Amino acid sequence: MAEEPMKRLLDAEAKAEQVIAQADEGRRGIVEQAKLEIRELEQRHAERVKEIQSTHLTQAGLRAQQAIAELQRRYAERASALRTSALAMEQPALDAAIRLLTGAGSAT
């Protein structure tokens, strides 16, 4: 009769080892699944970062192009204003130069 409790004890120990082995295997599976999910999340994050950077670079490029276009427009306006002013002053300047060279209009 002493063998019967010993046999049950050994059976219980064997079942406990099986449960422990199954739990350990389940834990490993969960850890591997978590690692896989983390890799996927990291990859998606890296792709999203690249997408955001690309969007910002595109927007910065557009803003730079707009700034260049604005500067070119201002330059063209200023150049036109200077040309108009120069043309308006050309004849009076020529007249004044001719008077200086010919001595006309001087009180000598």
C-alpha atoms as a PDB file:
ATOM      1  CA  MET A   1       0.000   0.000   0.000  1.00  0.00           C
ATOM      2  CA  ALA A   2       2.888   2.381   0.447  1.00  0.00           C
ATOM      3  CA  GLU A   3       3.527   2.037  -3.247  1.00  0.00           C
ATOM      4  CA  GLU A   4       0.168   3.546  -4.217  1.00  0.00           C
ATOM      5  CA  PRO A   5       0.760   7.012  -2.615  1.00  0.00           C
ATOM      6  CA  MET A   6       4.286   6.999  -4.009  1.00  0.00           C
ATOM      7  CA  LYS A   7       2.950   6.237  -7.497  1.00  0.00           C
ATOM      8  CA  ARG A   8       0.377   9.047  -7.212  1.00  0.00           C
ATOM      9  CA  LEU A   9       3.071  11.388  -6.028  1.00  0.00           C
ATOM     10  CA  LEU A  10       5.280  10.472  -8.991  1.00  0.00           C
ATOM     11  CA  ASP A  11       2.328  10.876 -11.387  1.00  0.00           C
ATOM     12  CA  ALA A  12       1.529  14.256  -9.871  1.00  0.00           C
ATOM     13  CA  GLU A  13       5.162  15.275 -10.222  1.00  0.00           C
ATOM     14  CA  ALA A  14       5.191  14.176 -13.876  1.00  0.00           C
ATOM     15  CA  LYS A  15       1.979  16.124 -14.561  1.00  0.00           C
ATOM     16  CA  ALA A  16       3.438  19.176 -12.817  1.00  0.00           C
ATOM     17  CA  GLU A  17       6.550  18.951 -14.994  1.00  0.00           C
ATOM     18  CA  GLN A  18       4.323  18.722 -18.083  1.00  0.00           C
ATOM     19  CA  VAL A  19       2.345  21.770 -16.985  1.00  0.00           C
ATOM     20  CA  ILE A  20       5.587  23.636 -16.329  1.00  0.00           C
ATOM     21  CA  ALA A  21       6.953  22.620 -19.739  1.00  0.00           C
ATOM     22  CA  GLN A  22       3.722  23.713 -21.467  1.00  0.00           C
ATOM     23  CA  ALA A  23       3.722  27.005 -19.586  1.00  0.00           C
ATOM     24  CA  ASP A  24       7.366  27.565 -20.498  1.00  0.00           C
ATOM     25  CA  GLU A  25       6.611  26.824 -24.140  1.00  0.00           C
ATOM     26  CA  GLY A  26       3.621  29.188 -24.008  1.00  0.00           C
ATOM     27  CA  ARG A  27       5.815  31.878 -22.450  1.00  0.00           C
ATOM     28  CA  ARG A  28       8.396  31.446 -25.209  1.00  0.00           C
ATOM     29  CA  GLY A  29       5.667  31.743 -27.834  1.00  0.00           C
ATOM     30  CA  ILE A  30       4.340  34.914 -26.238  1.00  0.00           C
ATOM     31  CA  VAL A  31       7.848  36.408 -26.064  1.00  0.00           C
ATOM     32  CA  GLU A  32       8.534  35.549 -29.721  1.00  0.00           C
ATOM     33  CA  GLN A  33       5.166  37.008 -30.766  1.00  0.00           C
ATOM     34  CA  ALA A  34       5.900  40.178 -28.794  1.00  0.00           C
ATOM     35  CA  LYS A  35       9.332  40.472 -30.434  1.00  0.00           C
ATOM     36  CA  LEU A  36       7.754  40.080 -33.864  1.00  0.00           C
ATOM     37  CA  GLU A  37       5.142  42.721 -33.095  1.00  0.00           C
ATOM     38  CA  ILE A  38       7.836  45.081 -31.812  1.00  0.00           C
ATOM     39  CA  ARG A  39       9.870  44.638 -35.017  1.00  0.00           C
ATOM     40  CA  GLU A  40       6.778  45.355 -37.102  1.00  0.00           C
ATOM     41  CA  LEU A  41       5.966  48.449 -35.027  1.00  0.00           C
ATOM     42  CA  GLU A  42       9.551  49.685 -35.295  1.00  0.00           C
ATOM     43  CA  GLN A  43       9.484  49.186 -39.054  1.00  0.00           C
ATOM     44  CA  ARG A  44       6.182  51.061 -39.373  1.00  0.00           C
ATOM     45  CA  HIS A  45       7.542  53.817 -37.157  1.00  0.00           C
ATOM     46  CA  ALA A  46      10.683  54.142 -39.294  1.00  0.00           C
ATOM     47  CA  GLU A  47       8.552  54.306 -42.447  1.00  0.00           C
ATOM     48  CA  ARG A  48       6.315  56.944 -40.864  1.00  0.00           C
ATOM     49  CA  VAL A  49       9.357  59.009 -39.853  1.00  0.00           C
ATOM     50  CA  LYS A  50      10.640  58.874 -43.445  1.00  0.00           C
ATOM     51  CA  GLU A  51       7.194  59.902 -44.710  1.00  0.00           C
ATOM     52  CA  ILE A  52       7.023  62.834 -42.280  1.00  0.00           C
ATOM     53  CA  GLN A  53      10.554  63.929 -43.200  1.00  0.00           C
ATOM     54  CA  SER A  54       9.705  63.720 -46.876  1.00  0.00           C
ATOM     55  CA  THR A  55       6.563  65.798 -46.355  1.00  0.00           C
ATOM     56  CA  HIS A  56       8.478  68.437 -44.411  1.00  0.00           C
ATOM     57  CA  LEU A  57      11.243  68.563 -47.012  1.00  0.00           C
ATOM     58  CA  THR A  58       8.660  68.960 -49.760  1.00  0.00           C
ATOM     59  CA  GLN A  59       6.927  71.759 -47.863  1.00  0.00           C
ATOM     60  CA  ALA A  60      10.263  73.459 -47.139  1.00  0.00           C
ATOM     61  CA  GLY A  61      11.129  73.234 -50.839  1.00  0.00           C
ATOM     62  CA  LEU A  62       7.808  74.800 -51.796  1.00  0.00           C
ATOM     63  CA  ARG A  63       8.286  77.606 -49.275  1.00  0.00           C
ATOM     64  CA  ALA A  64      11.797  78.196 -50.623  1.00  0.00           C
ATOM     65  CA  GLN A  65      10.480  78.337 -54.187  1.00  0.00           C
ATOM     66  CA  GLN A  66       7.787  80.810 -53.103  1.00  0.00           C
ATOM     67  CA  ALA A  67      10.378  82.972 -51.336  1.00  0.00           C
ATOM     68  CA  ILE A  68      12.617  82.926 -54.423  1.00  0.00           C
ATOM     69  CA  ALA A  69       9.686  83.846 -56.666  1.00  0.00           C
ATOM     70  CA  GLU A  70       8.769  86.717 -54.324  1.00  0.00           C
ATOM     71  CA  LEU A  71      12.359  87.996 -54.289  1.00  0.00           C
ATOM     72  CA  GLN A  72      12.545  87.782 -58.081  1.00  0.00           C
ATOM     73  CA  ARG A  73       9.252  89.673 -58.365  1.00  0.00           C
ATOM     74  CA  ARG A  74      10.518  92.403 -56.020  1.00  0.00           C
ATOM     75  CA  TYR A  75      13.807  92.585 -57.922  1.00  0.00           C
ATOM     76  CA  ALA A  76      11.960  92.940 -61.225  1.00  0.00           C
ATOM     77  CA  GLU A  77       9.719  95.678 -59.772  1.00  0.00           C
ATOM     78  CA  ARG A  78      12.714  97.555 -58.362  1.00  0.00           C
ATOM     79  CA  ALA A  79      14.659  97.212 -61.625  1.00  0.00           C
ATOM     80  CA  SER A  80      11.646  98.506 -63.554  1.00  0.00           C
ATOM     81  CA  ALA A  81      11.254 101.440 -61.165  1.00  0.00           C
ATOM     82  CA  LEU A  82      14.959 102.270 -61.503  1.00  0.00           C
ATOM     83  CA  ARG A  83      14.746 102.085 -65.311  1.00  0.00           C
ATOM     84  CA  THR A  84      11.702 104.358 -65.309  1.00  0.00           C
ATOM     85  CA  SER A  85      13.460 106.810 -62.994  1.00  0.00           C
ATOM     86  CA  ALA A  86      16.616 106.728 -65.128  1.00  0.00           C
ATOM     87  CA  LEU A  87      14.612 107.373 -68.283  1.00  0.00           C
ATOM     88  CA  ALA A  88      12.787 110.248 -66.608  1.00  0.00           C
ATOM     89  CA  MET A  89      16.091 111.782 -65.493  1.00  0.00           C
ATOM     90  CA  GLU A  90      17.977 111.170 -68.730  1.00  0.00           C
ATOM     91  CA  GLN A  91      16.807 114.215 -70.679  1.00  0.00           C
ATOM     92  CA  PRO A  92      17.187 116.709 -67.796  1.00  0.00           C
ATOM     93  CA  ALA A  93      20.660 115.311 -67.129  1.00  0.00           C
ATOM     94  CA  LEU A  94      21.625 115.648 -70.799  1.00  0.00           C
ATOM     95  CA  ASP A  95      20.276 119.184 -70.888  1.00  0.00           C
ATOM     96  CA  ALA A  96      22.243 120.094 -67.755  1.00  0.00           C
ATOM     97  CA  ALA A  97      25.411 118.515 -69.179  1.00  0.00           C
ATOM     98  CA  ILE A  98      25.030 120.393 -72.466  1.00  0.00           C
ATOM     99  CA  ARG A  99      24.503 123.668 -70.616  1.00  0.00           C
ATOM    100  CA  LEU A 100      27.634 123.017 -68.555  1.00  0.00           C
ATOM    101  CA  LEU A 101      29.673 122.172 -71.630  1.00  0.00           C
ATOM    102  CA  THR A 102      28.456 125.058 -73.737  1.00  0.00           C
ATOM    103  CA  GLY A 103      28.534 127.525 -70.947  1.00  0.00           C
ATOM    104  CA  ALA A 104      24.930 128.455 -71.580  1.00  0.00           C
ATOM    105  CA  GLY A 105      23.067 129.719 -68.585  1.00  0.00           C
ATOM    106  CA  SER A 106      26.195 130.784 -66.711  1.00  0.00           C
ATOM    107  CA  ALA A 107      26.570 134.310 -65.579  1.00  0.00           C
ATOM    108  CA  THR A 108      30.239 134.740 -66.731  1.00  0.00           C
END
